[in-house]
Amino acid sequence: MTERMELYVGVAVALMFLAGCFLVIVRVRERFEERRRQGGWAVARPPATRRKQAIYEPKWKSRTNS
């Protein structure tokens, strides 16, 4: 095999590797979006601001002590 052929093979292998990486990223993103649409783990948690507010709210200001 000549040097020019080795260069072509190297470029072809590099392009196939980059295409594979791209396809993996696209597939992982699709799965994440599908999981989010179906009400997966990302939707089940309450927003972070509500959790912090409930933890640091004084007892005299809470809704349970009226």
Protein backbone atom coordinates (compact mmCIF):
# COMPACT_ATOMS: atom_id res chain seq x y z
CA MET A 1 0.00 0.00 0.00
CA THR A 2 1.34 3.41 -0.91
CA GLU A 3 1.52 6.44 1.37
CA ARG A 4 -1.34 8.09 -0.49
CA MET A 5 -3.57 5.03 0.00
CA GLU A 6 -2.73 4.98 3.72
CA LEU A 7 -3.72 8.64 3.94
CA TYR A 8 -7.07 7.92 2.28
CA VAL A 9 -7.73 4.99 4.61
CA GLY A 10 -6.82 7.13 7.61
CA VAL A 11 -9.17 9.92 6.52
CA ALA A 12 -11.97 7.41 5.89
CA VAL A 13 -11.52 5.80 9.32
CA ALA A 14 -11.46 9.22 11.03
CA LEU A 15 -14.67 10.27 9.26
CA MET A 16 -16.41 7.02 10.20
CA PHE A 17 -15.36 7.51 13.82
CA LEU A 18 -16.74 11.07 13.89
CA ALA A 19 -19.98 9.92 12.25
CA GLY A 20 -20.34 7.19 14.89
CA CYS A 21 -19.83 9.69 17.71
CA PHE A 22 -22.45 11.95 16.16
CA LEU A 23 -24.97 9.12 15.87
CA VAL A 24 -24.42 8.07 19.51
CA ILE A 25 -25.00 11.64 20.71
CA VAL A 26 -28.18 11.96 18.63
CA ARG A 27 -29.54 8.64 19.94
CA VAL A 28 -28.84 9.51 23.58
CA ARG A 29 -30.56 12.87 23.12
CA GLU A 30 -33.62 11.18 21.56
CA ARG A 31 -33.87 8.75 24.49
CA PHE A 32 -33.64 11.62 26.98
CA GLU A 33 -36.40 13.55 25.20
CA GLU A 34 -38.58 10.43 25.02
CA ARG A 35 -38.11 9.76 28.73
CA ARG A 36 -38.97 13.39 29.54
CA ARG A 37 -42.15 13.25 27.41
CA GLN A 38 -43.32 10.06 29.14
CA GLY A 39 -43.00 11.59 32.59
CA GLY A 40 -39.75 9.96 33.59
CA TRP A 41 -37.42 10.76 36.46
CA ALA A 42 -36.81 14.38 35.42
CA VAL A 43 -40.46 15.32 35.92
CA ALA A 44 -40.98 13.42 39.18
CA ARG A 45 -38.84 15.74 41.34
CA PRO A 46 -40.25 19.01 42.71
CA PRO A 47 -38.47 22.22 41.71
CA ALA A 48 -35.36 23.03 43.74
CA THR A 49 -36.71 26.40 44.91
CA ARG A 50 -39.70 24.80 46.63
CA ARG A 51 -37.53 22.26 48.44
CA LYS A 52 -35.17 24.96 49.74
CA GLN A 53 -38.05 27.20 50.77
CA ALA A 54 -39.68 24.39 52.77
CA ILE A 55 -36.41 23.58 54.55
CA TYR A 56 -35.45 27.13 55.52
CA GLU A 57 -38.89 28.55 56.25
CA PRO A 58 -39.37 29.46 59.95
CA LYS A 59 -42.00 27.48 61.87
CA TRP A 60 -44.04 30.56 62.76
CA LYS A 61 -44.32 31.35 59.06
CA SER A 62 -45.35 27.87 57.92
CA ARG A 63 -48.85 27.11 56.69
CA THR A 64 -49.44 24.31 59.17
CA ASN A 65 -49.19 26.61 62.21
CA SER A 66 -52.10 29.02 61.69
